[in-house]
Amino acid sequence: MFKFVVVTDPETAPGFRLAGVEVLEAATLEEAKSIIPTLLFKDDTGIVAVNEDFMASLDAKLMEKIEKTHRPIIIPIPSRTRQIDRTDYIERMLRRAIGYNIVVRR
């Protein structure tokens, strides 16, 4: 069975631990940049959820590798510091997961 791993900041890490997932904390963007590439080569990891701020700081070469990788699946999770439109976020995740744009209406 594959593991679900979360890479996030120390403030939100306890909440993910309470949910029962493995958490790797990164206090800075540089720490995150060193953690994320190592997860791409682990055979036992299926899904990696990464703080959206950390994802935005990755270089283009690594982002290209992430986009082409089938496992683990790397998904961004909203950061606490950024105010986002939840509907837009869900639509982006669906588009990335299935390759088709689905409009979410209320």
PDB file of N, CA and C in Angstrom:
ATOM      1  N   MET A   1       0.839  -1.169   0.000  1.00  0.00           N
ATOM      2  CA  MET A   1       0.000   0.000   0.000  1.00  0.00           C
ATOM      3  C   MET A   1       0.885   1.234   0.000  1.00  0.00           C
ATOM      4  N   PHE A   2       0.455   2.246  -0.728  1.00  0.00           N
ATOM      5  CA  PHE A   2       1.225   3.477  -0.825  1.00  0.00           C
ATOM      6  C   PHE A   2       0.864   4.439   0.301  1.00  0.00           C
ATOM      7  N   LYS A   3       1.833   5.261   0.678  1.00  0.00           N
ATOM      8  CA  LYS A   3       1.638   6.231   1.746  1.00  0.00           C
ATOM      9  C   LYS A   3       1.148   7.565   1.206  1.00  0.00           C
ATOM     10  N   PHE A   4       0.465   8.293   2.078  1.00  0.00           N
ATOM     11  CA  PHE A   4       0.048   9.663   1.827  1.00  0.00           C
ATOM     12  C   PHE A   4       0.928  10.536   2.705  1.00  0.00           C
ATOM     13  N   VAL A   5       1.656  11.470   2.097  1.00  0.00           N
ATOM     14  CA  VAL A   5       2.600  12.317   2.822  1.00  0.00           C
ATOM     15  C   VAL A   5       2.230  13.776   2.593  1.00  0.00           C
ATOM     16  N   VAL A   6       2.335  14.581   3.647  1.00  0.00           N
ATOM     17  CA  VAL A   6       2.061  16.009   3.548  1.00  0.00           C
ATOM     18  C   VAL A   6       3.337  16.775   3.869  1.00  0.00           C
ATOM     19  N   VAL A   7       3.679  17.736   3.014  1.00  0.00           N
ATOM     20  CA  VAL A   7       4.806  18.636   3.258  1.00  0.00           C
ATOM     21  C   VAL A   7       4.206  20.010   3.528  1.00  0.00           C
ATOM     22  N   THR A   8       4.357  20.488   4.749  1.00  0.00           N
ATOM     23  CA  THR A   8       3.728  21.746   5.125  1.00  0.00           C
ATOM     24  C   THR A   8       4.539  22.475   6.186  1.00  0.00           C
ATOM     25  N   ASP A   9       4.044  23.642   6.565  1.00  0.00           N
ATOM     26  CA  ASP A   9       4.727  24.456   7.571  1.00  0.00           C
ATOM     27  C   ASP A   9       4.438  23.922   8.973  1.00  0.00           C
ATOM     28  N   PRO A  10       5.259  24.292   9.958  1.00  0.00           N
ATOM     29  CA  PRO A  10       5.082  23.783  11.321  1.00  0.00           C
ATOM     30  C   PRO A  10       3.753  24.158  11.974  1.00  0.00           C
ATOM     31  N   GLU A  11       3.130  25.234  11.532  1.00  0.00           N
ATOM     32  CA  GLU A  11       1.870  25.656  12.147  1.00  0.00           C
ATOM     33  C   GLU A  11       0.702  24.749  11.776  1.00  0.00           C
ATOM     34  N   THR A  12       0.684  24.238  10.556  1.00  0.00           N
ATOM     35  CA  THR A  12      -0.429  23.392  10.127  1.00  0.00           C
ATOM     36  C   THR A  12      -0.136  21.898  10.246  1.00  0.00           C
ATOM     37  N   ALA A  13       1.096  21.537  10.520  1.00  0.00           N
ATOM     38  CA  ALA A  13       1.485  20.132  10.611  1.00  0.00           C
ATOM     39  C   ALA A  13       0.690  19.341  11.656  1.00  0.00           C
ATOM     40  N   PRO A  14       0.452  19.885  12.863  1.00  0.00           N
ATOM     41  CA  PRO A  14      -0.289  19.090  13.861  1.00  0.00           C
ATOM     42  C   PRO A  14      -1.681  18.657  13.397  1.00  0.00           C
ATOM     43  N   GLY A  15      -2.372  19.500  12.658  1.00  0.00           N
ATOM     44  CA  GLY A  15      -3.694  19.137  12.155  1.00  0.00           C
ATOM     45  C   GLY A  15      -3.650  17.942  11.224  1.00  0.00           C
ATOM     46  N   PHE A  16      -2.639  17.896  10.368  1.00  0.00           N
ATOM     47  CA  PHE A  16      -2.500  16.745   9.469  1.00  0.00           C
ATOM     48  C   PHE A  16      -2.096  15.494  10.242  1.00  0.00           C
ATOM     49  N   ARG A  17      -1.268  15.669  11.262  1.00  0.00           N
ATOM     50  CA  ARG A  17      -0.892  14.510  12.082  1.00  0.00           C
ATOM     51  C   ARG A  17      -2.112  13.933  12.795  1.00  0.00           C
ATOM     52  N   LEU A  18      -3.006  14.806  13.271  1.00  0.00           N
ATOM     53  CA  LEU A  18      -4.231  14.339  13.908  1.00  0.00           C
ATOM     54  C   LEU A  18      -5.098  13.537  12.948  1.00  0.00           C
ATOM     55  N   ALA A  19      -4.990  13.859  11.672  1.00  0.00           N
ATOM     56  CA  ALA A  19      -5.735  13.123  10.651  1.00  0.00           C
ATOM     57  C   ALA A  19      -5.092  11.778  10.336  1.00  0.00           C
ATOM     58  N   GLY A  20      -3.898  11.545  10.864  1.00  0.00           N
ATOM     59  CA  GLY A  20      -3.248  10.251  10.708  1.00  0.00           C
ATOM     60  C   GLY A  20      -2.318  10.105   9.522  1.00  0.00           C
ATOM     61  N   VAL A  21      -1.915  11.208   8.910  1.00  0.00           N
ATOM     62  CA  VAL A  21      -0.997  11.104   7.776  1.00  0.00           C
ATOM     63  C   VAL A  21       0.430  11.439   8.206  1.00  0.00           C
ATOM     64  N   GLU A  22       1.368  10.962   7.417  1.00  0.00           N
ATOM     65  CA  GLU A  22       2.766  11.288   7.667  1.00  0.00           C
ATOM     66  C   GLU A  22       3.016  12.731   7.248  1.00  0.00           C
ATOM     67  N   VAL A  23       3.680  13.502   8.110  1.00  0.00           N
ATOM     68  CA  VAL A  23       3.918  14.916   7.847  1.00  0.00           C
ATOM     69  C   VAL A  23       5.411  15.199   7.869  1.00  0.00           C
ATOM     70  N   LEU A  24       5.868  15.923   6.855  1.00  0.00           N
ATOM     71  CA  LEU A  24       7.234  16.421   6.822  1.00  0.00           C
ATOM     72  C   LEU A  24       7.148  17.936   6.918  1.00  0.00           C
ATOM     73  N   GLU A  25       7.729  18.482   7.971  1.00  0.00           N
ATOM     74  CA  GLU A  25       7.666  19.921   8.195  1.00  0.00           C
ATOM     75  C   GLU A  25       8.823  20.637   7.522  1.00  0.00           C
ATOM     76  N   ALA A  26       8.515  21.803   6.983  1.00  0.00           N
ATOM     77  CA  ALA A  26       9.531  22.669   6.401  1.00  0.00           C
ATOM     78  C   ALA A  26       9.245  24.085   6.900  1.00  0.00           C
ATOM     79  N   ALA A  27      10.168  24.629   7.647  1.00  0.00           N
ATOM     80  CA  ALA A  27       9.984  25.965   8.204  1.00  0.00           C
ATOM     81  C   ALA A  27      10.244  27.056   7.172  1.00  0.00           C
ATOM     82  N   THR A  28      11.049  26.738   6.151  1.00  0.00           N
ATOM     83  CA  THR A  28      11.394  27.722   5.129  1.00  0.00           C
ATOM     84  C   THR A  28      11.186  27.123   3.738  1.00  0.00           C
ATOM     85  N   LEU A  29      11.183  28.001   2.746  1.00  0.00           N
ATOM     86  CA  LEU A  29      11.071  27.535   1.364  1.00  0.00           C
ATOM     87  C   LEU A  29      12.260  26.674   0.972  1.00  0.00           C
ATOM     88  N   GLU A  30      13.426  27.013   1.474  1.00  0.00           N
ATOM     89  CA  GLU A  30      14.631  26.242   1.152  1.00  0.00           C
ATOM     90  C   GLU A  30      14.541  24.820   1.689  1.00  0.00           C
ATOM     91  N   GLU A  31      14.006  24.658   2.889  1.00  0.00           N
ATOM     92  CA  GLU A  31      13.823  23.314   3.443  1.00  0.00           C
ATOM     93  C   GLU A  31      12.863  22.509   2.571  1.00  0.00           C
ATOM     94  N   ALA A  32      11.790  23.145   2.147  1.00  0.00           N
ATOM     95  CA  ALA A  32      10.808  22.466   1.295  1.00  0.00           C
ATOM     96  C   ALA A  32      11.441  22.049  -0.029  1.00  0.00           C
ATOM     97  N   LYS A  33      12.269  22.917  -0.592  1.00  0.00           N
ATOM     98  CA  LYS A  33      12.939  22.604  -1.863  1.00  0.00           C
ATOM     99  C   LYS A  33      13.861  21.401  -1.738  1.00  0.00           C
ATOM    100  N   SER A  34      14.363  21.132  -0.550  1.00  0.00           N
ATOM    101  CA  SER A  34      15.229  19.962  -0.369  1.00  0.00           C
ATOM    102  C   SER A  34      14.425  18.705  -0.046  1.00  0.00           C
ATOM    103  N   ILE A  35      13.241  18.855   0.528  1.00  0.00           N
ATOM    104  CA  ILE A  35      12.416  17.698   0.900  1.00  0.00           C
ATOM    105  C   ILE A  35      11.659  17.134  -0.301  1.00  0.00           C
ATOM    106  N   ILE A  36      11.050  17.993  -1.087  1.00  0.00           N
ATOM    107  CA  ILE A  36      10.142  17.556  -2.155  1.00  0.00           C
ATOM    108  C   ILE A  36      10.811  16.666  -3.202  1.00  0.00           C
ATOM    109  N   PRO A  37      11.984  17.006  -3.734  1.00  0.00           N
ATOM    110  CA  PRO A  37      12.592  16.125  -4.748  1.00  0.00           C
ATOM    111  C   PRO A  37      12.880  14.711  -4.251  1.00  0.00           C
ATOM    112  N   THR A  38      13.216  14.558  -2.979  1.00  0.00           N
ATOM    113  CA  THR A  38      13.506  13.210  -2.468  1.00  0.00           C
ATOM    114  C   THR A  38      12.259  12.332  -2.458  1.00  0.00           C
ATOM    115  N   LEU A  39      11.087  12.939  -2.319  1.00  0.00           N
ATOM    116  CA  LEU A  39       9.845  12.167  -2.294  1.00  0.00           C
ATOM    117  C   LEU A  39       9.489  11.602  -3.655  1.00  0.00           C
ATOM    118  N   LEU A  40      10.000  12.190  -4.722  1.00  0.00           N
ATOM    119  CA  LEU A  40       9.698  11.708  -6.073  1.00  0.00           C
ATOM    120  C   LEU A  40      10.294  10.338  -6.349  1.00  0.00           C
ATOM    121  N   PHE A  41      11.295   9.937  -5.580  1.00  0.00           N
ATOM    122  CA  PHE A  41      11.989   8.686  -5.840  1.00  0.00           C
ATOM    123  C   PHE A  41      11.687   7.600  -4.817  1.00  0.00           C
ATOM    124  N   LYS A  42      10.725   7.835  -3.933  1.00  0.00           N
ATOM    125  CA  LYS A  42      10.361   6.815  -2.941  1.00  0.00           C
ATOM    126  C   LYS A  42       9.306   5.890  -3.536  1.00  0.00           C
ATOM    127  N   ASP A  43       9.564   4.601  -3.475  1.00  0.00           N
ATOM    128  CA  ASP A  43       8.651   3.622  -4.060  1.00  0.00           C
ATOM    129  C   ASP A  43       7.378   3.428  -3.252  1.00  0.00           C
ATOM    130  N   ASP A  44       7.405   3.777  -1.972  1.00  0.00           N
ATOM    131  CA  ASP A  44       6.248   3.521  -1.117  1.00  0.00           C
ATOM    132  C   ASP A  44       5.309   4.716  -0.976  1.00  0.00           C
ATOM    133  N   THR A  45       5.576   5.811  -1.685  1.00  0.00           N
ATOM    134  CA  THR A  45       4.760   7.018  -1.581  1.00  0.00           C
ATOM    135  C   THR A  45       3.822   7.121  -2.784  1.00  0.00           C
ATOM    136  N   GLY A  46       2.518   7.287  -2.505  1.00  0.00           N
ATOM    137  CA  GLY A  46       1.531   7.366  -3.573  1.00  0.00           C
ATOM    138  C   GLY A  46       1.044   8.771  -3.834  1.00  0.00           C
ATOM    139  N   ILE A  47       0.798   9.529  -2.759  1.00  0.00           N
ATOM    140  CA  ILE A  47       0.308  10.892  -2.890  1.00  0.00           C
ATOM    141  C   ILE A  47       1.105  11.792  -1.960  1.00  0.00           C
ATOM    142  N   VAL A  48       1.522  12.934  -2.484  1.00  0.00           N
ATOM    143  CA  VAL A  48       2.220  13.933  -1.689  1.00  0.00           C
ATOM    144  C   VAL A  48       1.440  15.236  -1.809  1.00  0.00           C
ATOM    145  N   ALA A  49       0.936  15.722  -0.687  1.00  0.00           N
ATOM    146  CA  ALA A  49       0.249  17.010  -0.653  1.00  0.00           C
ATOM    147  C   ALA A  49       1.248  18.043  -0.164  1.00  0.00           C
ATOM    148  N   VAL A  50       1.412  19.111  -0.922  1.00  0.00           N
ATOM    149  CA  VAL A  50       2.430  20.114  -0.625  1.00  0.00           C
ATOM    150  C   VAL A  50       1.780  21.480  -0.451  1.00  0.00           C
ATOM    151  N   ASN A  51       2.198  22.188   0.566  1.00  0.00           N
ATOM    152  CA  ASN A  51       1.753  23.561   0.798  1.00  0.00           C
ATOM    153  C   ASN A  51       1.916  24.348  -0.496  1.00  0.00           C
ATOM    154  N   GLU A  52       0.889  25.090  -0.879  1.00  0.00           N
ATOM    155  CA  GLU A  52       0.884  25.806  -2.160  1.00  0.00           C
ATOM    156  C   GLU A  52       2.040  26.810  -2.281  1.00  0.00           C
ATOM    157  N   ASP A  53       2.405  27.442  -1.188  1.00  0.00           N
ATOM    158  CA  ASP A  53       3.542  28.373  -1.215  1.00  0.00           C
ATOM    159  C   ASP A  53       4.834  27.639  -1.547  1.00  0.00           C
ATOM    160  N   PHE A  54       4.977  26.433  -1.015  1.00  0.00           N
ATOM    161  CA  PHE A  54       6.173  25.634  -1.314  1.00  0.00           C
ATOM    162  C   PHE A  54       6.198  25.235  -2.784  1.00  0.00           C
ATOM    163  N   MET A  55       5.044  24.853  -3.316  1.00  0.00           N
ATOM    164  CA  MET A  55       4.973  24.472  -4.734  1.00  0.00           C
ATOM    165  C   MET A  55       5.355  25.641  -5.635  1.00  0.00           C
ATOM    166  N   ALA A  56       4.913  26.835  -5.270  1.00  0.00           N
ATOM    167  CA  ALA A  56       5.194  28.020  -6.086  1.00  0.00           C
ATOM    168  C   ALA A  56       6.674  28.359  -6.112  1.00  0.00           C
ATOM    169  N   SER A  57       7.422  27.909  -5.116  1.00  0.00           N
ATOM    170  CA  SER A  57       8.843  28.239  -5.042  1.00  0.00           C
ATOM    171  C   SER A  57       9.743  27.261  -5.799  1.00  0.00           C
ATOM    172  N   LEU A  58       9.185  26.169  -6.316  1.00  0.00           N
ATOM    173  CA  LEU A  58       9.990  25.167  -7.017  1.00  0.00           C
ATOM    174  C   LEU A  58      10.405  25.672  -8.390  1.00  0.00           C
ATOM    175  N   ASP A  59      11.582  25.239  -8.837  1.00  0.00           N
ATOM    176  CA  ASP A  59      12.061  25.679 -10.143  1.00  0.00           C
ATOM    177  C   ASP A  59      11.315  24.966 -11.272  1.00  0.00           C
ATOM    178  N   ALA A  60      11.414  25.509 -12.466  1.00  0.00           N
ATOM    179  CA  ALA A  60      10.661  25.022 -13.620  1.00  0.00           C
ATOM    180  C   ALA A  60      11.015  23.578 -13.979  1.00  0.00           C
ATOM    181  N   LYS A  61      12.267  23.212 -13.838  1.00  0.00           N
ATOM    182  CA  LYS A  61      12.703  21.858 -14.176  1.00  0.00           C
ATOM    183  C   LYS A  61      12.034  20.822 -13.269  1.00  0.00           C
ATOM    184  N   LEU A  62      11.994  21.116 -11.971  1.00  0.00           N
ATOM    185  CA  LEU A  62      11.362  20.199 -11.032  1.00  0.00           C
ATOM    186  C   LEU A  62       9.843  20.159 -11.261  1.00  0.00           C
ATOM    187  N   MET A  63       9.224  21.294 -11.550  1.00  0.00           N
ATOM    188  CA  MET A  63       7.792  21.322 -11.817  1.00  0.00           C
ATOM    189  C   MET A  63       7.444  20.491 -13.055  1.00  0.00           C
ATOM    190  N   GLU A  64       8.298  20.537 -14.057  1.00  0.00           N
ATOM    191  CA  GLU A  64       8.088  19.728 -15.253  1.00  0.00           C
ATOM    192  C   GLU A  64       8.153  18.249 -14.918  1.00  0.00           C
ATOM    193  N   LYS A  65       9.100  17.875 -14.076  1.00  0.00           N
ATOM    194  CA  LYS A  65       9.232  16.478 -13.646  1.00  0.00           C
ATOM    195  C   LYS A  65       7.994  16.038 -12.867  1.00  0.00           C
ATOM    196  N   ILE A  66       7.503  16.920 -11.994  1.00  0.00           N
ATOM    197  CA  ILE A  66       6.309  16.614 -11.209  1.00  0.00           C
ATOM    198  C   ILE A  66       5.108  16.400 -12.135  1.00  0.00           C
ATOM    199  N   GLU A  67       4.962  17.244 -13.143  1.00  0.00           N
ATOM    200  CA  GLU A  67       3.839  17.132 -14.077  1.00  0.00           C
ATOM    201  C   GLU A  67       3.882  15.824 -14.867  1.00  0.00           C
ATOM    202  N   LYS A  68       5.067  15.310 -15.154  1.00  0.00           N
ATOM    203  CA  LYS A  68       5.205  14.095 -15.942  1.00  0.00           C
ATOM    204  C   LYS A  68       5.168  12.824 -15.103  1.00  0.00           C
ATOM    205  N   THR A  69       5.329  12.956 -13.798  1.00  0.00           N
ATOM    206  CA  THR A  69       5.382  11.803 -12.911  1.00  0.00           C
ATOM    207  C   THR A  69       3.984  11.249 -12.665  1.00  0.00           C
ATOM    208  N   HIS A  70       3.850   9.921 -12.776  1.00  0.00           N
ATOM    209  CA  HIS A  70       2.561   9.285 -12.515  1.00  0.00           C
ATOM    210  C   HIS A  70       2.416   8.885 -11.052  1.00  0.00           C
ATOM    211  N   ARG A  71       3.520   8.599 -10.400  1.00  0.00           N
ATOM    212  CA  ARG A  71       3.495   8.274  -8.981  1.00  0.00           C
ATOM    213  C   ARG A  71       4.816   8.675  -8.383  1.00  0.00           C
ATOM    214  N   PRO A  72       4.820   9.382  -7.321  1.00  0.00           N
ATOM    215  CA  PRO A  72       3.655   9.816  -6.552  1.00  0.00           C
ATOM    216  C   PRO A  72       2.946  10.983  -7.228  1.00  0.00           C
ATOM    217  N   ILE A  73       1.684  11.111  -6.916  1.00  0.00           N
ATOM    218  CA  ILE A  73       0.903  12.248  -7.380  1.00  0.00           C
ATOM    219  C   ILE A  73       1.186  13.398  -6.418  1.00  0.00           C
ATOM    220  N   ILE A  74       1.584  14.530  -6.953  1.00  0.00           N
ATOM    221  CA  ILE A  74       1.887  15.704  -6.129  1.00  0.00           C
ATOM    222  C   ILE A  74       0.728  16.681  -6.285  1.00  0.00           C
ATOM    223  N   ILE A  75       0.090  17.027  -5.171  1.00  0.00           N
ATOM    224  CA  ILE A  75      -1.028  17.961  -5.221  1.00  0.00           C
ATOM    225  C   ILE A  75      -0.761  19.135  -4.287  1.00  0.00           C
ATOM    226  N   PRO A  76      -1.070  20.341  -4.715  1.00  0.00           N
ATOM    227  CA  PRO A  76      -0.905  21.496  -3.821  1.00  0.00           C
ATOM    228  C   PRO A  76      -2.092  21.609  -2.870  1.00  0.00           C
ATOM    229  N   ILE A  77      -1.814  22.060  -1.665  1.00  0.00           N
ATOM    230  CA  ILE A  77      -2.880  22.353  -0.713  1.00  0.00           C
ATOM    231  C   ILE A  77      -2.798  23.834  -0.373  1.00  0.00           C
ATOM    232  N   PRO A  78      -3.920  24.488  -0.202  1.00  0.00           N
ATOM    233  CA  PRO A  78      -3.906  25.933   0.064  1.00  0.00           C
ATOM    234  C   PRO A  78      -3.131  26.261   1.340  1.00  0.00           C
ATOM    235  N   SER A  79      -2.389  27.339   1.286  1.00  0.00           N
ATOM    236  CA  SER A  79      -1.657  27.778   2.476  1.00  0.00           C
ATOM    237  C   SER A  79      -2.557  28.668   3.312  1.00  0.00           C
ATOM    238  N   ARG A  80      -2.226  28.810   4.557  1.00  0.00           N
ATOM    239  CA  ARG A  80      -3.023  29.640   5.460  1.00  0.00           C
ATOM    240  C   ARG A  80      -2.878  31.116   5.134  1.00  0.00           C
ATOM    241  N   THR A  81      -1.761  31.506   4.549  1.00  0.00           N
ATOM    242  CA  THR A  81      -1.485  32.924   4.314  1.00  0.00           C
ATOM    243  C   THR A  81      -2.180  33.474   3.085  1.00  0.00           C
ATOM    244  N   ARG A  82      -2.615  32.623   2.194  1.00  0.00           N
ATOM    245  CA  ARG A  82      -3.192  33.067   0.937  1.00  0.00           C
ATOM    246  C   ARG A  82      -4.710  32.909   0.959  1.00  0.00           C
ATOM    247  N   GLN A  83      -5.414  33.964   0.619  1.00  0.00           N
ATOM    248  CA  GLN A  83      -6.873  33.897   0.497  1.00  0.00           C
ATOM    249  C   GLN A  83      -7.198  33.448  -0.919  1.00  0.00           C
ATOM    250  N   ILE A  84      -7.889  32.327  -1.031  1.00  0.00           N
ATOM    251  CA  ILE A  84      -8.203  31.802  -2.357  1.00  0.00           C
ATOM    252  C   ILE A  84      -9.705  31.623  -2.527  1.00  0.00           C
ATOM    253  N   ASP A  85     -10.126  31.592  -3.771  1.00  0.00           N
ATOM    254  CA  ASP A  85     -11.497  31.265  -4.108  1.00  0.00           C
ATOM    255  C   ASP A  85     -11.602  29.742  -4.102  1.00  0.00           C
ATOM    256  N   ARG A  86     -12.345  29.192  -3.179  1.00  0.00           N
ATOM    257  CA  ARG A  86     -12.433  27.734  -3.021  1.00  0.00           C
ATOM    258  C   ARG A  86     -12.981  27.055  -4.274  1.00  0.00           C
ATOM    259  N   THR A  87     -13.946  27.668  -4.925  1.00  0.00           N
ATOM    260  CA  THR A  87     -14.509  27.080  -6.136  1.00  0.00           C
ATOM    261  C   THR A  87     -13.458  26.993  -7.230  1.00  0.00           C
ATOM    262  N   ASP A  88     -12.691  28.063  -7.405  1.00  0.00           N
ATOM    263  CA  ASP A  88     -11.623  28.065  -8.400  1.00  0.00           C
ATOM    264  C   ASP A  88     -10.589  26.996  -8.069  1.00  0.00           C
ATOM    265  N   TYR A  89     -10.270  26.844  -6.801  1.00  0.00           N
ATOM    266  CA  TYR A  89      -9.288  25.852  -6.376  1.00  0.00           C
ATOM    267  C   TYR A  89      -9.772  24.437  -6.715  1.00  0.00           C
ATOM    268  N   ILE A  90     -11.023  24.141  -6.425  1.00  0.00           N
ATOM    269  CA  ILE A  90     -11.571  22.817  -6.714  1.00  0.00           C
ATOM    270  C   ILE A  90     -11.576  22.560  -8.219  1.00  0.00           C
ATOM    271  N   GLU A  91     -11.933  23.565  -9.002  1.00  0.00           N
ATOM    272  CA  GLU A  91     -11.931  23.414 -10.454  1.00  0.00           C
ATOM    273  C   GLU A  91     -10.524  23.129 -10.987  1.00  0.00           C
ATOM    274  N   ARG A  92      -9.523  23.828 -10.456  1.00  0.00           N
ATOM    275  CA  ARG A  92      -8.133  23.585 -10.890  1.00  0.00           C
ATOM    276  C   ARG A  92      -7.696  22.169 -10.556  1.00  0.00           C
ATOM    277  N   MET A  93      -8.057  21.676  -9.357  1.00  0.00           N
ATOM    278  CA  MET A  93      -7.674  20.319  -8.957  1.00  0.00           C
ATOM    279  C   MET A  93      -8.358  19.277  -9.847  1.00  0.00           C
ATOM    280  N   LEU A  94      -9.628  19.485 -10.150  1.00  0.00           N
ATOM    281  CA  LEU A  94     -10.332  18.558 -11.040  1.00  0.00           C
ATOM    282  C   LEU A  94      -9.731  18.562 -12.436  1.00  0.00           C
ATOM    283  N   ARG A  95      -9.414  19.754 -12.946  1.00  0.00           N
ATOM    284  CA  ARG A  95      -8.817  19.861 -14.285  1.00  0.00           C
ATOM    285  C   ARG A  95      -7.484  19.128 -14.321  1.00  0.00           C
ATOM    286  N   ARG A  96      -6.696  19.276 -13.273  1.00  0.00           N
ATOM    287  CA  ARG A  96      -5.397  18.601 -13.244  1.00  0.00           C
ATOM    288  C   ARG A  96      -5.560  17.096 -13.116  1.00  0.00           C
ATOM    289  N   ALA A  97      -6.537  16.657 -12.316  1.00  0.00           N
ATOM    290  CA  ALA A  97      -6.711  15.226 -12.079  1.00  0.00           C
ATOM    291  C   ALA A  97      -7.260  14.477 -13.286  1.00  0.00           C
ATOM    292  N   ILE A  98      -8.233  15.081 -13.986  1.00  0.00           N
ATOM    293  CA  ILE A  98      -8.875  14.355 -15.074  1.00  0.00           C
ATOM    294  C   ILE A  98      -8.591  14.929 -16.446  1.00  0.00           C
ATOM    295  N   GLY A  99      -7.915  16.084 -16.500  1.00  0.00           N
ATOM    296  CA  GLY A  99      -7.553  16.665 -17.788  1.00  0.00           C
ATOM    297  C   GLY A  99      -8.705  17.345 -18.496  1.00  0.00           C
ATOM    298  N   TYR A 100      -9.739  17.680 -17.775  1.00  0.00           N
ATOM    299  CA  TYR A 100     -10.904  18.311 -18.377  1.00  0.00           C
ATOM    300  C   TYR A 100     -11.439  19.353 -17.422  1.00  0.00           C
ATOM    301  N   ASN A 101     -11.888  20.472 -17.950  1.00  0.00           N
ATOM    302  CA  ASN A 101     -12.380  21.559 -17.101  1.00  0.00           C
ATOM    303  C   ASN A 101     -13.839  21.318 -16.718  1.00  0.00           C
ATOM    304  N   ILE A 102     -14.110  21.237 -15.429  1.00  0.00           N
ATOM    305  CA  ILE A 102     -15.465  21.083 -14.915  1.00  0.00           C
ATOM    306  C   ILE A 102     -15.802  22.360 -14.152  1.00  0.00           C
ATOM    307  N   VAL A 103     -16.941  22.945 -14.473  1.00  0.00           N
ATOM    308  CA  VAL A 103     -17.352  24.177 -13.791  1.00  0.00           C
ATOM    309  C   VAL A 103     -18.218  23.809 -12.588  1.00  0.00           C
ATOM    310  N   VAL A 104     -17.814  24.306 -11.426  1.00  0.00           N
ATOM    311  CA  VAL A 104     -18.555  24.050 -10.200  1.00  0.00           C
ATOM    312  C   VAL A 104     -19.498  25.214  -9.969  1.00  0.00           C
ATOM    313  N   ARG A 105     -20.787  24.915  -9.829  1.00  0.00           N
ATOM    314  CA  ARG A 105     -21.791  25.966  -9.597  1.00  0.00           C
ATOM    315  C   ARG A 105     -22.438  25.754  -8.256  1.00  0.00           C
ATOM    316  N   ARG A 106     -22.879  26.839  -7.681  1.00  0.00           N
ATOM    317  CA  ARG A 106     -23.543  26.768  -6.379  1.00  0.00           C
ATOM    318  C   ARG A 106     -25.017  26.710  -6.519  1.00  0.00           C
TER     319      ARG A 106
END
